[in-house]
Amino acid sequence: MFIVCLVILGITGTGSYFGSPVVMDQLQKLSANLPSKVKEFSKESEVMIEQNDFGIVNIKDLKANGISNFKNYSEKLTENVNAIFSAIISVLTVLVITPFILFLFLKGWR
């Protein structure tokens, strides 16, 4: 069992050692190219909407709705992430402090 764990840890460690430079390179390229790709995608989507509009969709309203929806979702995401971290920290605090308090109470304050 110990050998199996060592083999798994060795494979994982080797993969992360040799794979991390590739992943970091890809993330750096993505972060460098992301703003231009987003602008390019938004321009292409505007052109497609204008071509297939049929007088139903207004791009300004669509942009305003998209921005407000993004703002609402980002606020809710922030609230949810804060709630999750708060719950995790509360549980960890209880798990760390409770044994010390129990030890002191059971020891009898001598």
N, C-alpha and C. Protein backbone atom coordinates (compact mmCIF):
# COMPACT_ATOMS: atom_id res chain seq x y z
N MET A 1 0.82 -1.19 0.00
CA MET A 1 0.00 0.00 0.00
C MET A 1 0.87 1.26 0.00
N PHE A 2 1.94 1.21 0.77
CA PHE A 2 2.85 2.35 0.85
C PHE A 2 3.51 2.61 -0.50
N ILE A 3 3.88 1.54 -1.18
CA ILE A 3 4.52 1.67 -2.49
C ILE A 3 3.56 2.27 -3.51
N VAL A 4 2.30 1.85 -3.45
CA VAL A 4 1.29 2.39 -4.36
C VAL A 4 1.13 3.89 -4.13
N CYS A 5 1.07 4.30 -2.88
CA CYS A 5 0.94 5.72 -2.56
C CYS A 5 2.17 6.50 -3.06
N LEU A 6 3.36 5.92 -2.87
CA LEU A 6 4.57 6.58 -3.36
C LEU A 6 4.57 6.70 -4.88
N VAL A 7 4.10 5.67 -5.57
CA VAL A 7 4.05 5.72 -7.03
C VAL A 7 3.07 6.79 -7.48
N ILE A 8 1.90 6.84 -6.85
CA ILE A 8 0.90 7.86 -7.20
C ILE A 8 1.45 9.25 -6.93
N LEU A 9 2.05 9.45 -5.77
CA LEU A 9 2.63 10.76 -5.45
C LEU A 9 3.78 11.10 -6.40
N GLY A 10 4.58 10.11 -6.78
CA GLY A 10 5.67 10.34 -7.72
C GLY A 10 5.17 10.75 -9.09
N ILE A 11 4.13 10.07 -9.57
CA ILE A 11 3.56 10.41 -10.87
C ILE A 11 2.95 11.80 -10.83
N THR A 12 2.22 12.10 -9.76
CA THR A 12 1.61 13.41 -9.62
C THR A 12 2.67 14.51 -9.53
N GLY A 13 3.70 14.28 -8.74
CA GLY A 13 4.77 15.26 -8.59
C GLY A 13 5.53 15.48 -9.89
N THR A 14 5.84 14.39 -10.58
CA THR A 14 6.55 14.51 -11.85
C THR A 14 5.70 15.24 -12.89
N GLY A 15 4.42 14.89 -12.94
CA GLY A 15 3.53 15.56 -13.88
C GLY A 15 3.39 17.03 -13.60
N SER A 16 3.27 17.38 -12.33
CA SER A 16 3.15 18.80 -12.00
C SER A 16 4.47 19.54 -12.21
N TYR A 17 5.61 18.86 -11.97
CA TYR A 17 6.92 19.50 -12.17
C TYR A 17 7.15 19.81 -13.64
N PHE A 18 6.86 18.85 -14.51
CA PHE A 18 7.10 19.06 -15.93
C PHE A 18 5.94 19.76 -16.63
N GLY A 19 4.74 19.66 -16.07
CA GLY A 19 3.57 20.26 -16.70
C GLY A 19 3.31 21.69 -16.29
N SER A 20 3.82 22.10 -15.15
CA SER A 20 3.54 23.45 -14.67
C SER A 20 4.12 24.54 -15.57
N PRO A 21 5.32 24.41 -16.14
CA PRO A 21 5.79 25.46 -17.04
C PRO A 21 4.89 25.62 -18.27
N VAL A 22 4.38 24.51 -18.77
CA VAL A 22 3.50 24.57 -19.93
C VAL A 22 2.20 25.28 -19.56
N VAL A 23 1.64 24.92 -18.41
CA VAL A 23 0.39 25.53 -17.97
C VAL A 23 0.60 27.01 -17.70
N MET A 24 1.70 27.37 -17.06
CA MET A 24 1.98 28.78 -16.78
C MET A 24 2.15 29.57 -18.07
N ASP A 25 2.82 28.98 -19.06
CA ASP A 25 3.00 29.64 -20.35
C ASP A 25 1.65 29.87 -21.02
N GLN A 26 0.80 28.86 -20.99
CA GLN A 26 -0.52 28.99 -21.59
C GLN A 26 -1.36 30.05 -20.87
N LEU A 27 -1.29 30.09 -19.54
CA LEU A 27 -2.04 31.09 -18.78
C LEU A 27 -1.53 32.50 -19.07
N GLN A 28 -0.23 32.66 -19.22
CA GLN A 28 0.32 33.98 -19.54
C GLN A 28 -0.12 34.42 -20.93
N LYS A 29 -0.11 33.49 -21.89
CA LYS A 29 -0.58 33.83 -23.23
C LYS A 29 -2.05 34.17 -23.22
N LEU A 30 -2.84 33.42 -22.43
CA LEU A 30 -4.27 33.69 -22.34
C LEU A 30 -4.52 35.06 -21.73
N SER A 31 -3.82 35.38 -20.65
CA SER A 31 -4.03 36.69 -20.01
C SER A 31 -3.57 37.83 -20.91
N ALA A 32 -2.56 37.59 -21.73
CA ALA A 32 -2.09 38.64 -22.63
C ALA A 32 -3.06 38.84 -23.79
N ASN A 33 -3.65 37.76 -24.29
CA ASN A 33 -4.52 37.84 -25.47
C ASN A 33 -6.00 37.99 -25.13
N LEU A 34 -6.38 37.84 -23.88
CA LEU A 34 -7.80 37.85 -23.52
C LEU A 34 -8.50 39.17 -23.85
N PRO A 35 -7.95 40.33 -23.51
CA PRO A 35 -8.66 41.57 -23.84
C PRO A 35 -8.90 41.76 -25.34
N SER A 36 -7.90 41.44 -26.15
CA SER A 36 -8.09 41.60 -27.59
C SER A 36 -9.10 40.59 -28.12
N LYS A 37 -9.09 39.38 -27.59
CA LYS A 37 -10.05 38.37 -28.04
C LYS A 37 -11.48 38.74 -27.63
N VAL A 38 -11.64 39.33 -26.44
CA VAL A 38 -12.97 39.76 -26.00
C VAL A 38 -13.49 40.88 -26.90
N LYS A 39 -12.61 41.84 -27.22
CA LYS A 39 -13.02 42.92 -28.12
C LYS A 39 -13.38 42.38 -29.50
N GLU A 40 -12.58 41.46 -29.98
CA GLU A 40 -12.84 40.85 -31.29
C GLU A 40 -14.17 40.09 -31.29
N PHE A 41 -14.40 39.34 -30.23
CA PHE A 41 -15.65 38.59 -30.12
C PHE A 41 -16.85 39.52 -30.02
N SER A 42 -16.72 40.60 -29.26
CA SER A 42 -17.85 41.52 -29.13
C SER A 42 -18.15 42.22 -30.45
N LYS A 43 -17.10 42.58 -31.21
CA LYS A 43 -17.33 43.20 -32.52
C LYS A 43 -18.01 42.22 -33.47
N GLU A 44 -17.54 40.98 -33.48
CA GLU A 44 -18.15 39.97 -34.35
C GLU A 44 -19.59 39.70 -33.96
N SER A 45 -19.88 39.68 -32.66
CA SER A 45 -21.25 39.44 -32.22
C SER A 45 -22.15 40.62 -32.58
N GLU A 46 -21.63 41.85 -32.49
CA GLU A 46 -22.42 43.01 -32.90
C GLU A 46 -22.77 42.94 -34.38
N VAL A 47 -21.79 42.56 -35.19
CA VAL A 47 -22.03 42.44 -36.63
C VAL A 47 -23.08 41.37 -36.91
N MET A 48 -22.99 40.24 -36.22
CA MET A 48 -23.96 39.16 -36.44
C MET A 48 -25.36 39.59 -36.00
N ILE A 49 -25.45 40.31 -34.88
CA ILE A 49 -26.75 40.77 -34.40
C ILE A 49 -27.34 41.78 -35.37
N GLU A 50 -26.51 42.70 -35.86
CA GLU A 50 -27.01 43.70 -36.82
C GLU A 50 -27.46 43.05 -38.12
N GLN A 51 -26.77 42.01 -38.56
CA GLN A 51 -27.14 41.33 -39.80
C GLN A 51 -28.43 40.54 -39.63
N ASN A 52 -28.65 39.98 -38.47
CA ASN A 52 -29.82 39.14 -38.22
C ASN A 52 -30.82 39.83 -37.29
N ASP A 53 -30.87 41.13 -37.32
CA ASP A 53 -31.66 41.91 -36.38
C ASP A 53 -33.16 41.78 -36.61
N PHE A 54 -33.62 41.97 -37.82
CA PHE A 54 -35.04 41.98 -38.17
C PHE A 54 -35.82 43.02 -37.38
N GLY A 55 -35.16 44.03 -36.83
CA GLY A 55 -35.83 45.09 -36.10
C GLY A 55 -36.28 44.70 -34.70
N ILE A 56 -35.88 43.53 -34.21
CA ILE A 56 -36.34 43.05 -32.90
C ILE A 56 -35.36 43.41 -31.79
N VAL A 57 -34.07 43.24 -32.06
CA VAL A 57 -33.05 43.40 -31.03
C VAL A 57 -32.39 44.76 -31.17
N ASN A 58 -32.30 45.46 -30.05
CA ASN A 58 -31.58 46.73 -30.00
C ASN A 58 -30.26 46.48 -29.29
N ILE A 59 -29.15 46.80 -29.95
CA ILE A 59 -27.83 46.49 -29.41
C ILE A 59 -27.57 47.27 -28.13
N LYS A 60 -28.02 48.51 -28.05
CA LYS A 60 -27.79 49.31 -26.84
C LYS A 60 -28.51 48.71 -25.65
N ASP A 61 -29.77 48.28 -25.85
CA ASP A 61 -30.49 47.62 -24.77
C ASP A 61 -29.84 46.31 -24.38
N LEU A 62 -29.37 45.58 -25.38
CA LEU A 62 -28.70 44.31 -25.13
C LEU A 62 -27.42 44.51 -24.32
N LYS A 63 -26.65 45.55 -24.65
CA LYS A 63 -25.44 45.86 -23.90
C LYS A 63 -25.77 46.26 -22.46
N ALA A 64 -26.79 47.10 -22.31
CA ALA A 64 -27.18 47.55 -20.97
C ALA A 64 -27.65 46.38 -20.12
N ASN A 65 -28.44 45.49 -20.72
CA ASN A 65 -28.90 44.31 -19.98
C ASN A 65 -27.73 43.39 -19.63
N GLY A 66 -26.81 43.23 -20.56
CA GLY A 66 -25.65 42.38 -20.30
C GLY A 66 -24.79 42.94 -19.19
N ILE A 67 -24.58 44.24 -19.19
CA ILE A 67 -23.76 44.86 -18.15
C ILE A 67 -24.44 44.75 -16.79
N SER A 68 -25.75 45.02 -16.74
CA SER A 68 -26.45 44.92 -15.46
C SER A 68 -26.49 43.48 -14.96
N ASN A 69 -26.70 42.53 -15.87
CA ASN A 69 -26.69 41.12 -15.45
C ASN A 69 -25.32 40.70 -14.96
N PHE A 70 -24.26 41.14 -15.64
CA PHE A 70 -22.91 40.81 -15.20
C PHE A 70 -22.62 41.41 -13.83
N LYS A 71 -23.08 42.63 -13.61
CA LYS A 71 -22.88 43.28 -12.31
C LYS A 71 -23.61 42.51 -11.22
N ASN A 72 -24.87 42.14 -11.48
CA ASN A 72 -25.64 41.39 -10.49
C ASN A 72 -25.00 40.04 -10.19
N TYR A 73 -24.57 39.34 -11.23
CA TYR A 73 -23.96 38.02 -11.02
C TYR A 73 -22.64 38.13 -10.28
N SER A 74 -21.85 39.15 -10.59
CA SER A 74 -20.57 39.31 -9.90
C SER A 74 -20.79 39.66 -8.43
N GLU A 75 -21.80 40.47 -8.13
CA GLU A 75 -22.10 40.78 -6.73
C GLU A 75 -22.55 39.54 -5.98
N LYS A 76 -23.43 38.76 -6.59
CA LYS A 76 -23.90 37.54 -5.93
C LYS A 76 -22.77 36.53 -5.78
N LEU A 77 -21.89 36.45 -6.78
CA LEU A 77 -20.75 35.54 -6.68
C LEU A 77 -19.85 35.94 -5.52
N THR A 78 -19.61 37.23 -5.38
CA THR A 78 -18.78 37.73 -4.28
C THR A 78 -19.42 37.40 -2.94
N GLU A 79 -20.72 37.61 -2.83
CA GLU A 79 -21.42 37.30 -1.59
C GLU A 79 -21.34 35.81 -1.27
N ASN A 80 -21.53 34.97 -2.29
CA ASN A 80 -21.50 33.53 -2.07
C ASN A 80 -20.09 33.05 -1.70
N VAL A 81 -19.08 33.60 -2.35
CA VAL A 81 -17.71 33.21 -2.01
C VAL A 81 -17.38 33.64 -0.59
N ASN A 82 -17.80 34.84 -0.20
CA ASN A 82 -17.58 35.29 1.17
C ASN A 82 -18.30 34.40 2.17
N ALA A 83 -19.51 33.98 1.85
CA ALA A 83 -20.26 33.10 2.75
C ALA A 83 -19.58 31.74 2.87
N ILE A 84 -19.07 31.23 1.77
CA ILE A 84 -18.39 29.94 1.81
C ILE A 84 -17.12 30.02 2.65
N PHE A 85 -16.31 31.07 2.42
CA PHE A 85 -15.09 31.23 3.22
C PHE A 85 -15.42 31.44 4.70
N SER A 86 -16.46 32.18 4.98
CA SER A 86 -16.86 32.40 6.36
C SER A 86 -17.26 31.09 7.02
N ALA A 87 -18.01 30.26 6.31
CA ALA A 87 -18.42 28.96 6.86
C ALA A 87 -17.21 28.06 7.09
N ILE A 88 -16.29 28.04 6.14
CA ILE A 88 -15.10 27.20 6.28
C ILE A 88 -14.26 27.66 7.46
N ILE A 89 -14.08 28.97 7.60
CA ILE A 89 -13.29 29.48 8.71
C ILE A 89 -13.98 29.21 10.04
N SER A 90 -15.30 29.31 10.09
CA SER A 90 -16.03 29.01 11.31
C SER A 90 -15.84 27.56 11.72
N VAL A 91 -15.96 26.66 10.76
CA VAL A 91 -15.80 25.24 11.05
C VAL A 91 -14.37 24.95 11.50
N LEU A 92 -13.39 25.52 10.81
CA LEU A 92 -12.00 25.29 11.20
C LEU A 92 -11.71 25.86 12.59
N THR A 93 -12.29 27.00 12.90
CA THR A 93 -12.10 27.59 14.22
C THR A 93 -12.66 26.67 15.30
N VAL A 94 -13.85 26.14 15.07
CA VAL A 94 -14.44 25.23 16.05
C VAL A 94 -13.59 23.97 16.18
N LEU A 95 -13.11 23.45 15.06
CA LEU A 95 -12.31 22.23 15.11
C LEU A 95 -10.96 22.44 15.78
N VAL A 96 -10.43 23.65 15.75
CA VAL A 96 -9.13 23.91 16.36
C VAL A 96 -9.28 24.30 17.83
N ILE A 97 -10.24 25.14 18.16
CA ILE A 97 -10.36 25.67 19.52
C ILE A 97 -11.04 24.69 20.46
N THR A 98 -12.03 23.96 19.99
CA THR A 98 -12.79 23.05 20.85
C THR A 98 -11.90 22.03 21.56
N PRO A 99 -10.96 21.37 20.91
CA PRO A 99 -10.13 20.41 21.65
C PRO A 99 -9.33 21.06 22.78
N PHE A 100 -8.83 22.28 22.59
CA PHE A 100 -8.10 22.95 23.65
C PHE A 100 -9.00 23.27 24.84
N ILE A 101 -10.19 23.75 24.57
CA ILE A 101 -11.12 24.07 25.65
C ILE A 101 -11.52 22.80 26.40
N LEU A 102 -11.83 21.74 25.66
CA LEU A 102 -12.17 20.47 26.31
C LEU A 102 -11.02 19.94 27.15
N PHE A 103 -9.81 20.06 26.66
CA PHE A 103 -8.65 19.61 27.41
C PHE A 103 -8.53 20.39 28.72
N LEU A 104 -8.71 21.71 28.64
CA LEU A 104 -8.60 22.51 29.86
C LEU A 104 -9.71 22.18 30.85
N PHE A 105 -10.93 21.98 30.38
CA PHE A 105 -12.04 21.64 31.27
C PHE A 105 -11.87 20.26 31.88
N LEU A 106 -11.41 19.32 31.08
CA LEU A 106 -11.22 17.98 31.61
C LEU A 106 -10.01 17.88 32.51
N LYS A 107 -9.03 18.74 32.32
CA LYS A 107 -7.86 18.74 33.17
C LYS A 107 -8.20 19.28 34.56
N GLY A 108 -9.17 20.14 34.66
CA GLY A 108 -9.62 20.62 35.95
C GLY A 108 -8.95 21.90 36.40
N TRP A 109 -8.34 22.64 35.52
CA TRP A 109 -7.74 23.92 35.83
C TRP A 109 -6.74 23.83 36.98
N ARG A 110 -5.89 22.87 36.98
CA ARG A 110 -4.92 22.70 38.07
C ARG A 110 -3.74 23.57 37.89
